[in-house]
């Protein structure tokens, strides 16, 4: 322990390559982990190298991180964007983990059969990814902790259920759910300070945008304490995709049990696509389609990958083939997909102009704006795409309303960032204005202080 210890502000500053004054300021303003020696003066402090490294890797130096309370006064959540990566993080981001989150792997001691049955039912409820399913999961987990008040994983899972749901409600309710999530998670850690699910819930409860470093620290502790718990692996993987670091997500998917649930397959395929592992991507897409034919998340994910990766003929086959196509795809939707495919095939055509104009005038909602980003970038209409980015994430030019709430509801800290790192939007990333977007979102500071490069800056990466 002594070798890990740094005594005094000067030693702490030297370790950080900063002066003593900066170390003092960071301790006051940025929660630099410094410990005071009992009975000593204000200069009698020490720090642990391991804690400072964790603080740095989590982006502690970045600063300027918006919070749900400070960013904007109105708004709510991102679209089901949370659930695409881990039931918390929707069709656009967090949804994948939802199928796994209520499956405790390392939960000593064994719980009564009634409790285990309730946990299973809660998992099934959340897998529906709808509002009713999320509410049912919370209710069932409340029953679990009422029956087993010392069940740390039960409290952790209750916190996780509230955390997931907080991203799919209008802003005021979302903040209340976040507070409930944090309270339940901390109770889990009071019962068992090493509870990985409690740490996971604290990380998932944070806003999607801004709290990059804090979330990374919570997820890092969750991975250290529950390295084989699949819900921990899933959420950590999805958050890395959100951070623009899909290459760091893939090793976590490799540690998970197969076969994956539908949204987990979607997230895994997205990670493979972004890092350019195309042969493995094709195998994953084929496996998902074979296991879950006509499952909407699987189908839309596969179709988008084909549509925006020079495999337009494969996309058109999917669109026109009724077998395996979700029943929600009607004739109008088919015509829209065919138009986009034709435009992407020939970006300088009159059809491309028509499709671009339609997406410039997109509905002022998150889902439509996200689709517009993909299409406009793929067509090379970068000025128009950047305009959508600035509206979607910063409310500049016009407001893109939250998935929940009225047309003026705008909660920028709950906007899903993953579309910014898709291969479909690579032309936006090549534009100099993209780096300003990264700085405003706080990602540039996070990457710098964590010393982890985003994938799009690596040679050969598509994401």
Protein backbone atom coordinates (compact mmCIF):
# COMPACT_ATOMS: atom_id res chain seq x y z
CA UNK A 1 0.00 0.00 0.00
CA UNK A 2 2.86 2.37 0.85
CA UNK A 3 4.24 2.09 -2.72
CA UNK A 4 0.81 3.15 -4.01
CA UNK A 5 0.72 6.23 -1.79
CA UNK A 6 1.69 9.81 -2.68
CA UNK A 7 2.18 12.16 0.29
CA UNK A 8 1.50 15.86 -0.05
CA UNK A 9 0.19 18.16 -2.76
CA UNK A 10 3.56 18.43 -4.48
CA UNK A 11 3.88 14.66 -4.98
CA UNK A 12 0.27 14.47 -6.16
CA UNK A 13 0.84 17.30 -8.63
CA UNK A 14 4.05 15.69 -9.92
CA UNK A 15 2.20 12.43 -10.56
CA UNK A 16 -0.41 14.36 -12.57
CA UNK A 17 2.25 16.41 -14.39
CA UNK A 18 0.68 19.53 -12.90
CA UNK A 19 1.68 22.01 -10.23
CA UNK A 20 0.51 22.02 -6.62
CA UNK A 21 -2.10 24.74 -7.25
CA UNK A 22 -3.73 22.75 -10.04
CA UNK A 23 -3.91 19.64 -7.86
CA UNK A 24 -5.61 21.68 -5.13
CA UNK A 25 -8.11 23.12 -7.61
CA UNK A 26 -8.94 19.73 -9.09
CA UNK A 27 -9.55 18.32 -5.62
CA UNK A 28 -12.01 21.15 -4.95
CA UNK A 29 -13.72 21.39 -8.34
CA UNK A 30 -13.37 17.98 -10.01
CA UNK A 31 -13.45 15.45 -7.20
CA UNK A 32 -9.80 14.47 -7.45
CA UNK A 33 -9.50 11.54 -4.99
CA UNK A 34 -7.35 13.02 -2.20
CA UNK A 35 -7.41 11.90 1.45
CA UNK A 36 -6.71 14.10 4.47
CA UNK A 37 -4.60 12.74 7.30
CA UNK A 38 -6.60 12.85 10.56
CA UNK A 39 -5.28 15.53 12.89
CA UNK A 40 -3.16 17.15 10.19
CA UNK A 41 -3.50 20.57 8.64
CA UNK A 42 -4.85 21.45 5.22
CA UNK A 43 -1.54 20.38 3.64
CA UNK A 44 -1.50 16.98 5.33
CA UNK A 45 -2.96 14.94 2.50
CA UNK A 46 -2.15 11.84 0.52
CA UNK A 47 -3.46 10.10 -2.58
CA UNK A 48 -3.24 6.60 -4.01
CA UNK A 49 -1.76 6.14 -7.47
CA UNK A 50 -4.38 3.52 -8.30
CA UNK A 51 -7.22 5.92 -7.48
CA UNK A 52 -5.64 8.75 -9.44
CA UNK A 53 -5.20 6.49 -12.48
CA UNK A 54 -8.85 5.45 -12.26
CA UNK A 55 -9.86 9.13 -11.98
CA UNK A 56 -7.79 10.01 -15.04
CA UNK A 57 -9.05 7.06 -17.08
CA UNK A 58 -12.60 8.14 -16.34
CA UNK A 59 -12.13 11.63 -17.73
CA UNK A 60 -11.83 13.46 -14.41
CA UNK A 61 -9.70 16.17 -15.98
CA UNK A 62 -12.29 17.05 -18.62
CA UNK A 63 -14.61 19.35 -16.76
CA UNK A 64 -17.54 21.13 -18.31
CA UNK A 65 -19.75 18.07 -18.07
CA UNK A 66 -23.45 18.94 -18.29
CA UNK A 67 -25.83 17.35 -15.83
CA UNK A 68 -29.49 16.56 -16.05
CA UNK A 69 -30.14 19.38 -13.62
CA UNK A 70 -28.06 22.02 -15.40
CA UNK A 71 -28.25 21.40 -19.13
CA UNK A 72 -31.73 22.57 -20.13
CA UNK A 73 -34.89 23.21 -18.21
CA UNK A 74 -37.26 21.32 -20.49
CA UNK A 75 -37.15 17.98 -22.19
CA UNK A 76 -37.06 14.29 -21.53
CA UNK A 77 -35.29 11.30 -22.85
CA UNK A 78 -33.71 10.04 -25.93
CA UNK A 79 -35.77 7.83 -28.12
CA UNK A 80 -35.65 4.10 -27.47
CA UNK A 81 -32.12 4.86 -28.20
CA UNK A 82 -31.15 3.67 -24.76
CA UNK A 83 -32.58 0.26 -25.32
CA UNK A 84 -30.53 -0.59 -28.32
CA UNK A 85 -27.40 -1.12 -26.37
CA UNK A 86 -28.54 -2.43 -23.12
CA UNK A 87 -32.15 -2.14 -22.32
CA UNK A 88 -31.41 1.22 -20.81
CA UNK A 89 -29.01 2.69 -23.13
CA UNK A 90 -33.98 1.33 -27.16
CA UNK A 91 -34.08 0.94 -30.60
CA UNK A 92 -31.34 3.46 -31.01
CA UNK A 93 -28.96 2.79 -28.19
CA UNK A 94 -29.46 0.92 -24.92
CA UNK A 95 -31.96 -1.72 -25.82
CA UNK A 96 -29.74 -4.74 -26.00
CA UNK A 97 -28.99 -5.20 -22.37
CA UNK A 98 -32.63 -5.25 -21.46
CA UNK A 99 -32.82 -8.88 -22.35
CA UNK A 100 -30.08 -9.71 -19.86
CA UNK A 101 -30.17 -7.28 -17.01
CA UNK A 102 -32.29 -9.28 -14.61
CA UNK A 103 -30.27 -12.43 -14.76
CA UNK A 104 -28.04 -12.35 -11.67
CA UNK A 105 -25.10 -14.72 -12.16
CA UNK A 106 -23.19 -14.34 -8.93
CA UNK A 107 -25.84 -13.76 -6.28
CA UNK A 108 -25.00 -15.34 -2.92
CA UNK A 109 -26.82 -16.53 -0.98
CA UNK A 110 -29.55 -18.41 -2.83
CA UNK A 111 -32.94 -16.73 -2.59
CA UNK A 112 -36.33 -18.33 -1.90
CA UNK A 113 -38.12 -19.75 -4.96
CA UNK A 114 -40.71 -16.94 -4.85
CA UNK A 115 -37.99 -14.31 -5.09
CA UNK A 116 -36.24 -16.10 -7.95
CA UNK A 117 -39.56 -16.37 -9.80
CA UNK A 118 -40.22 -12.65 -9.36
CA UNK A 119 -36.75 -11.79 -10.70
CA UNK A 120 -37.40 -13.96 -13.75
CA UNK A 121 -40.77 -12.29 -14.35
CA UNK A 122 -39.17 -8.85 -13.99
CA UNK A 123 -36.57 -9.80 -16.58
CA UNK A 124 -39.28 -10.94 -18.96
CA UNK A 125 -41.24 -7.73 -18.40
CA UNK A 126 -38.27 -5.52 -19.20
CA UNK A 127 -37.48 -7.51 -22.33
CA UNK A 128 -40.66 -6.12 -23.90
CA UNK A 129 -38.83 -2.74 -23.95
CA UNK A 130 -42.13 -0.92 -23.68
CA UNK A 131 -43.33 1.48 -21.02
CA UNK A 132 -45.64 -1.11 -19.48
CA UNK A 133 -42.87 -3.68 -19.30
CA UNK A 134 -40.48 -1.27 -17.63
CA UNK A 135 -43.07 -0.25 -15.05
CA UNK A 136 -43.88 -3.90 -14.38
CA UNK A 137 -40.19 -4.70 -13.87
CA UNK A 138 -39.87 -1.96 -11.26
CA UNK A 139 -42.98 -3.17 -9.43
CA UNK A 140 -41.74 -6.77 -9.39
CA UNK A 141 -38.32 -5.79 -8.09
CA UNK A 142 -39.92 -3.72 -5.33
CA UNK A 143 -41.69 -6.89 -4.28
CA UNK A 144 -38.38 -8.75 -4.37
CA UNK A 145 -36.66 -6.39 -1.92
CA UNK A 146 -39.73 -6.35 0.30
CA UNK A 147 -39.47 -10.13 0.60
CA UNK A 148 -35.66 -10.17 0.86
CA UNK A 149 -34.58 -6.80 2.28
CA UNK A 150 -30.93 -7.94 2.63
CA UNK A 151 -30.69 -9.17 -0.97
CA UNK A 152 -28.03 -6.83 -2.34
CA UNK A 153 -28.45 -7.94 -5.94
CA UNK A 154 -32.19 -7.37 -5.60
CA UNK A 155 -31.57 -3.75 -4.63
CA UNK A 156 -29.02 -3.41 -7.40
CA UNK A 157 -31.48 -4.76 -9.95
CA UNK A 158 -34.22 -2.48 -8.63
CA UNK A 159 -31.83 0.41 -9.14
CA UNK A 160 -31.06 -0.81 -12.65
CA UNK A 161 -34.76 -1.10 -13.54
CA UNK A 162 -35.33 2.49 -12.44
CA UNK A 163 -32.18 3.62 -14.23
CA UNK A 164 -33.22 2.03 -17.51
CA UNK A 165 -36.71 3.45 -17.29
CA UNK A 166 -35.45 6.95 -16.47
CA UNK A 167 -34.20 7.29 -20.04
CA UNK A 168 -37.65 6.62 -21.51
CA UNK A 169 -39.83 9.13 -19.68
CA UNK A 170 -40.45 12.85 -19.86
CA UNK A 171 -37.81 14.86 -18.09
CA UNK A 172 -39.37 15.45 -14.66
CA UNK A 173 -40.34 11.81 -14.24
CA UNK A 174 -36.98 10.72 -15.62
CA UNK A 175 -35.14 12.71 -12.95
CA UNK A 176 -37.32 11.18 -10.24
CA UNK A 177 -36.61 7.68 -11.54
CA UNK A 178 -32.91 8.47 -11.61
CA UNK A 179 -33.05 9.50 -7.95
CA UNK A 180 -34.83 6.24 -7.08
CA UNK A 181 -32.24 4.30 -9.07
CA UNK A 182 -29.36 5.91 -7.22
CA UNK A 183 -31.00 5.36 -3.82
CA UNK A 184 -31.59 1.65 -4.52
CA UNK A 185 -28.07 1.22 -5.90
CA UNK A 186 -26.48 2.83 -2.87
CA UNK A 187 -28.56 0.60 -0.59
CA UNK A 188 -27.19 -2.41 -2.48
CA UNK A 189 -23.67 -1.12 -1.82
CA UNK A 190 -24.48 -0.49 1.85
CA UNK A 191 -25.43 -4.16 2.16
CA UNK A 192 -22.49 -5.35 0.08
CA UNK A 193 -19.78 -2.78 -0.74
CA UNK A 194 -18.54 -5.06 -3.53
CA UNK A 195 -21.91 -5.36 -5.25
CA UNK A 196 -21.33 -5.02 -8.98
CA UNK A 197 -24.98 -4.50 -9.84
CA UNK A 198 -25.19 -1.50 -7.52
CA UNK A 199 -22.22 0.09 -9.29
CA UNK A 200 -23.77 -0.77 -12.64
CA UNK A 201 -27.05 0.92 -11.71
CA UNK A 202 -25.22 4.09 -10.67
CA UNK A 203 -23.50 4.20 -14.05
CA UNK A 204 -26.61 3.47 -16.09
CA UNK A 205 -28.64 6.10 -14.22
CA UNK A 206 -26.38 8.91 -15.44
CA UNK A 207 -27.38 11.03 -18.45
CA UNK A 208 -26.33 9.64 -21.81
CA UNK A 209 -24.29 12.71 -22.75
CA UNK A 210 -21.73 14.47 -20.62
CA UNK A 211 -21.01 12.22 -17.66
CA UNK A 212 -18.56 10.12 -19.65
CA UNK A 213 -15.85 9.86 -17.04
CA UNK A 214 -18.12 9.28 -14.04
CA UNK A 215 -20.00 6.53 -15.86
CA UNK A 216 -16.73 4.92 -16.95
CA UNK A 217 -15.59 4.75 -13.34
CA UNK A 218 -18.82 3.14 -12.17
CA UNK A 219 -18.74 0.60 -14.99
CA UNK A 220 -15.08 -0.10 -14.36
CA UNK A 221 -15.83 -0.94 -10.74
CA UNK A 222 -18.82 -3.06 -11.82
CA UNK A 223 -16.62 -5.03 -14.21
CA UNK A 224 -13.98 -5.51 -11.53
CA UNK A 225 -16.52 -6.76 -8.98
CA UNK A 226 -18.74 -8.81 -11.30
CA UNK A 227 -16.53 -9.73 -14.28
CA UNK A 228 -18.74 -12.58 -15.47
CA UNK A 229 -22.15 -10.99 -14.92
CA UNK A 230 -23.66 -10.61 -18.36
CA UNK A 231 -25.70 -7.52 -17.68
CA UNK A 232 -22.54 -5.77 -16.51
CA UNK A 233 -20.67 -6.89 -19.63
CA UNK A 234 -23.56 -5.79 -21.85
CA UNK A 235 -23.99 -2.30 -20.44
CA UNK A 236 -20.27 -1.66 -20.37
CA UNK A 237 -20.03 -2.73 -24.02
CA UNK A 238 -22.88 -0.47 -25.09
CA UNK A 239 -21.44 2.53 -23.24
CA UNK A 240 -18.15 2.00 -25.06
CA UNK A 241 -20.04 2.11 -28.36
CA UNK A 242 -21.62 5.37 -27.22
CA UNK A 243 -18.12 6.68 -26.44
CA UNK A 244 -16.95 5.98 -29.99
CA UNK A 245 -14.85 3.03 -28.79
CA UNK A 246 -16.51 -0.07 -30.26
CA UNK A 247 -13.12 -1.80 -30.40
CA UNK A 248 -13.17 -1.85 -26.58
CA UNK A 249 -16.69 -3.29 -26.61
CA UNK A 250 -15.94 -6.40 -28.66
CA UNK A 251 -13.86 -8.20 -25.98
CA UNK A 252 -16.81 -7.85 -23.60
CA UNK A 253 -19.22 -9.44 -26.09
CA UNK A 254 -16.78 -12.32 -26.48
CA UNK A 255 -17.12 -13.04 -22.75
CA UNK A 256 -20.94 -13.24 -22.93
CA UNK A 257 -22.97 -16.39 -23.39
CA UNK A 258 -24.40 -17.22 -26.79
CA UNK A 259 -26.88 -17.06 -28.35
CA UNK A 260 -27.52 -13.39 -27.73
CA UNK A 261 -30.91 -11.81 -27.31
CA UNK A 262 -32.14 -9.79 -30.34
CA UNK A 263 -30.97 -6.36 -29.27
CA UNK A 264 -27.67 -7.72 -28.03
CA UNK A 265 -27.13 -9.18 -31.49
CA UNK A 266 -27.89 -5.73 -32.92
CA UNK A 267 -25.35 -4.03 -30.68
CA UNK A 268 -22.72 -6.70 -31.30
CA UNK A 269 -23.22 -6.36 -35.06
CA UNK A 270 -22.90 -2.59 -34.78
CA UNK A 271 -19.58 -2.97 -32.95
CA UNK A 272 -18.26 -5.36 -35.61
CA UNK A 273 -19.38 -3.01 -38.38
CA UNK A 274 -17.67 -0.03 -36.82
CA UNK A 275 -14.30 -1.74 -36.42
CA UNK A 276 -14.39 -3.27 -39.90
CA UNK A 277 -14.64 -6.97 -38.95
CA UNK A 278 -16.91 -7.66 -41.90
CA UNK A 279 -16.65 -11.47 -42.11
CA UNK A 280 -17.59 -11.83 -38.46
CA UNK A 281 -20.31 -9.23 -39.02
CA UNK A 282 -21.89 -11.35 -41.76
CA UNK A 283 -21.83 -14.42 -39.53
CA UNK A 284 -23.46 -12.49 -36.68
CA UNK A 285 -26.17 -11.06 -38.96
CA UNK A 286 -26.94 -14.50 -40.41
CA UNK A 287 -27.11 -16.08 -36.96
CA UNK A 288 -29.43 -13.36 -35.65
CA UNK A 289 -31.75 -13.63 -38.67
CA UNK A 290 -31.89 -17.42 -38.34
CA UNK A 291 -32.73 -17.28 -34.63
CA UNK A 292 -35.09 -14.31 -34.75
CA UNK A 293 -36.77 -14.11 -38.18
CA UNK A 294 -38.90 -10.99 -38.62
CA UNK A 295 -37.84 -9.65 -35.23
CA UNK A 296 -37.98 -5.85 -35.77
CA UNK A 297 -34.72 -4.89 -34.06
CA UNK A 298 -32.78 -7.62 -35.83
CA UNK A 299 -34.37 -6.81 -39.21
CA UNK A 300 -33.92 -3.02 -39.08
CA UNK A 301 -30.34 -3.32 -37.88
CA UNK A 302 -29.41 -5.72 -40.67
CA UNK A 303 -31.19 -3.64 -43.30
CA UNK A 304 -29.47 -0.42 -42.22
CA UNK A 305 -26.05 -2.06 -42.24
CA UNK A 306 -26.61 -3.35 -45.77
CA UNK A 307 -28.13 -0.08 -46.96
CA UNK A 308 -25.25 2.09 -45.77
CA UNK A 309 -22.30 -0.21 -46.48
CA UNK A 310 -22.35 -0.64 -50.26
CA UNK A 311 -24.50 -3.76 -50.12
CA UNK A 312 -27.58 -2.11 -51.48
CA UNK A 313 -28.71 -5.19 -53.42
CA UNK A 314 -28.85 -7.17 -50.16
CA UNK A 315 -30.88 -4.37 -48.57
CA UNK A 316 -33.34 -4.35 -51.47
CA UNK A 317 -33.73 -8.13 -51.21
CA UNK A 318 -34.68 -7.75 -47.56
CA UNK A 319 -37.08 -4.90 -48.26
CA UNK A 320 -38.89 -6.74 -51.05
CA UNK A 321 -38.96 -10.20 -49.47
CA UNK A 322 -42.14 -10.62 -47.38
CA UNK A 323 -40.80 -13.75 -45.65
CA UNK A 324 -38.83 -12.58 -42.65
CA UNK A 325 -39.98 -8.96 -42.96
CA UNK A 326 -41.71 -7.44 -39.91
CA UNK A 327 -45.42 -6.97 -40.40
CA UNK A 328 -45.10 -3.30 -39.47
CA UNK A 329 -43.35 -2.65 -42.79
CA UNK A 330 -46.14 -1.42 -45.08
CA UNK A 331 -46.15 -0.44 -48.75
CA UNK A 332 -45.29 3.18 -47.97
CA UNK A 333 -42.29 2.11 -45.89
CA UNK A 334 -41.10 -0.19 -48.67
CA UNK A 335 -41.31 2.67 -51.17
CA UNK A 336 -39.33 4.94 -48.81
CA UNK A 337 -36.58 2.32 -48.37
CA UNK A 338 -36.38 1.80 -52.12
CA UNK A 339 -36.03 5.54 -52.67
CA UNK A 340 -33.20 5.76 -50.15
CA UNK A 341 -31.46 2.77 -51.72
CA UNK A 342 -31.68 4.35 -55.17
CA UNK A 343 -30.36 7.65 -53.86
CA UNK A 344 -27.43 6.07 -52.02
CA UNK A 345 -26.54 4.11 -55.17
CA UNK A 346 -26.39 7.35 -57.20
CA UNK A 347 -25.86 10.34 -54.86
CA UNK A 348 -25.79 12.86 -57.75
CA UNK A 349 -29.12 11.84 -59.24
CA UNK A 350 -32.40 13.74 -59.21
CA UNK A 351 -33.73 11.01 -56.91
CA UNK A 352 -30.91 11.75 -54.45
CA UNK A 353 -31.88 15.44 -54.50
CA UNK A 354 -35.48 14.47 -53.76
CA UNK A 355 -34.50 12.14 -50.89
CA UNK A 356 -32.11 14.71 -49.42
CA UNK A 357 -34.78 17.42 -49.48
CA UNK A 358 -37.22 15.10 -47.74
CA UNK A 359 -34.73 14.40 -44.96
CA UNK A 360 -33.71 18.04 -44.58
CA UNK A 361 -37.38 18.67 -43.82
CA UNK A 362 -37.54 15.75 -41.40
CA UNK A 363 -40.02 15.59 -38.55
CA UNK A 364 -38.59 17.40 -35.56
CA UNK A 365 -38.28 14.25 -33.47
CA UNK A 366 -35.20 12.25 -32.46
CA UNK A 367 -35.89 9.18 -34.61
CA UNK A 368 -36.46 11.17 -37.79
CA UNK A 369 -33.40 13.35 -37.12
CA UNK A 370 -31.21 10.29 -36.59
CA UNK A 371 -32.40 8.79 -39.87
CA UNK A 372 -31.76 12.12 -41.60
CA UNK A 373 -28.16 12.11 -40.36
CA UNK A 374 -27.51 8.70 -41.91
CA UNK A 375 -29.13 9.54 -45.22
CA UNK A 376 -27.68 13.03 -45.66
CA UNK A 377 -24.18 11.86 -44.77
CA UNK A 378 -24.40 8.90 -47.13
CA UNK A 379 -25.49 11.25 -49.92
CA UNK A 380 -22.58 13.59 -49.24
CA UNK A 381 -24.85 16.47 -48.17
CA UNK A 382 -22.52 17.40 -45.31
CA UNK A 383 -23.67 20.99 -44.69
CA UNK A 384 -27.23 19.75 -44.30
CA UNK A 385 -26.09 16.87 -42.09
CA UNK A 386 -24.10 19.18 -39.82
CA UNK A 387 -27.19 21.38 -39.48
CA UNK A 388 -29.12 18.33 -38.22
CA UNK A 389 -26.31 17.47 -35.77
CA UNK A 390 -26.35 20.96 -34.29
CA UNK A 391 -30.14 20.92 -33.94
CA UNK A 392 -30.26 17.39 -32.52
CA UNK A 393 -27.58 17.81 -29.86
CA UNK A 394 -27.52 21.54 -29.14
CA UNK A 395 -30.90 22.95 -30.22
CA UNK A 396 -29.17 25.25 -32.69
CA UNK A 397 -31.30 26.41 -35.63
CA UNK A 398 -34.36 24.47 -34.56
CA UNK A 399 -35.43 22.09 -31.81
CA UNK A 400 -35.51 18.34 -32.28
CA UNK A 401 -38.03 17.28 -29.66
CA UNK A 402 -37.51 14.43 -27.22
CA UNK A 403 -39.18 11.10 -27.81
CA UNK A 404 -41.45 11.88 -24.88
CA UNK A 405 -43.06 15.24 -24.20
CA UNK A 406 -44.36 18.06 -26.35
CA UNK A 407 -42.82 19.57 -29.50
CA UNK A 408 -40.64 21.90 -27.41
CA UNK A 409 -39.30 19.22 -25.05
CA UNK A 410 -35.51 19.27 -25.38
CA UNK A 411 -33.13 17.40 -23.08
CA UNK A 412 -29.69 17.41 -24.70
CA UNK A 413 -28.03 15.35 -21.99
CA UNK A 414 -30.27 12.42 -22.95
CA UNK A 415 -29.36 12.34 -26.64
CA UNK A 416 -27.90 9.08 -27.94
CA UNK A 417 -24.42 9.66 -29.39
CA UNK A 418 -23.90 6.35 -31.17
CA UNK A 419 -25.15 7.47 -34.59
CA UNK A 420 -22.23 9.91 -34.72
CA UNK A 421 -19.81 6.96 -34.92
CA UNK A 422 -21.62 4.71 -37.40
CA UNK A 423 -19.97 3.93 -40.74
CA UNK A 424 -23.07 5.53 -42.27
CA UNK A 425 -21.99 8.94 -40.93
CA UNK A 426 -18.27 8.69 -41.72
CA UNK A 427 -18.38 11.68 -44.10
CA UNK A 428 -19.57 13.89 -41.23
CA UNK A 429 -16.58 12.78 -39.18
CA UNK A 430 -14.28 13.82 -42.01
CA UNK A 431 -15.59 17.38 -41.81
CA UNK A 432 -13.56 19.77 -39.59
CA UNK A 433 -16.73 20.87 -37.81
CA UNK A 434 -17.11 17.40 -36.30
CA UNK A 435 -14.25 17.98 -33.85
CA UNK A 436 -16.06 21.01 -32.46
CA UNK A 437 -19.11 18.80 -31.87
CA UNK A 438 -16.94 16.31 -29.97
CA UNK A 439 -15.56 19.10 -27.80
CA UNK A 440 -19.01 20.48 -27.00
CA UNK A 441 -20.29 17.03 -26.04
CA UNK A 442 -17.36 16.57 -23.66
CA UNK A 443 -16.01 13.56 -25.55
CA UNK A 444 -12.76 15.21 -26.62
CA UNK A 445 -11.85 15.87 -22.99
CA UNK A 446 -12.86 12.34 -22.02
CA UNK A 447 -10.68 10.76 -24.71
CA UNK A 448 -7.75 13.00 -23.83
CA UNK A 449 -7.81 12.38 -20.11
CA UNK A 450 -8.59 8.67 -20.41
CA UNK A 451 -5.79 8.32 -22.96
CA UNK A 452 -8.09 6.15 -25.08
CA UNK A 453 -8.39 7.00 -28.76
CA UNK A 454 -11.82 6.84 -30.44
CA UNK A 455 -12.09 4.30 -33.22
CA UNK A 456 -12.66 6.80 -36.01
CA UNK A 457 -9.14 8.11 -35.49
CA UNK A 458 -7.61 4.66 -35.94
CA UNK A 459 -6.42 3.58 -39.40
CA UNK A 460 -8.75 1.06 -41.05
CA UNK A 461 -11.71 1.66 -38.74
CA UNK A 462 -15.14 2.31 -40.19
CA UNK A 463 -16.53 3.79 -36.99
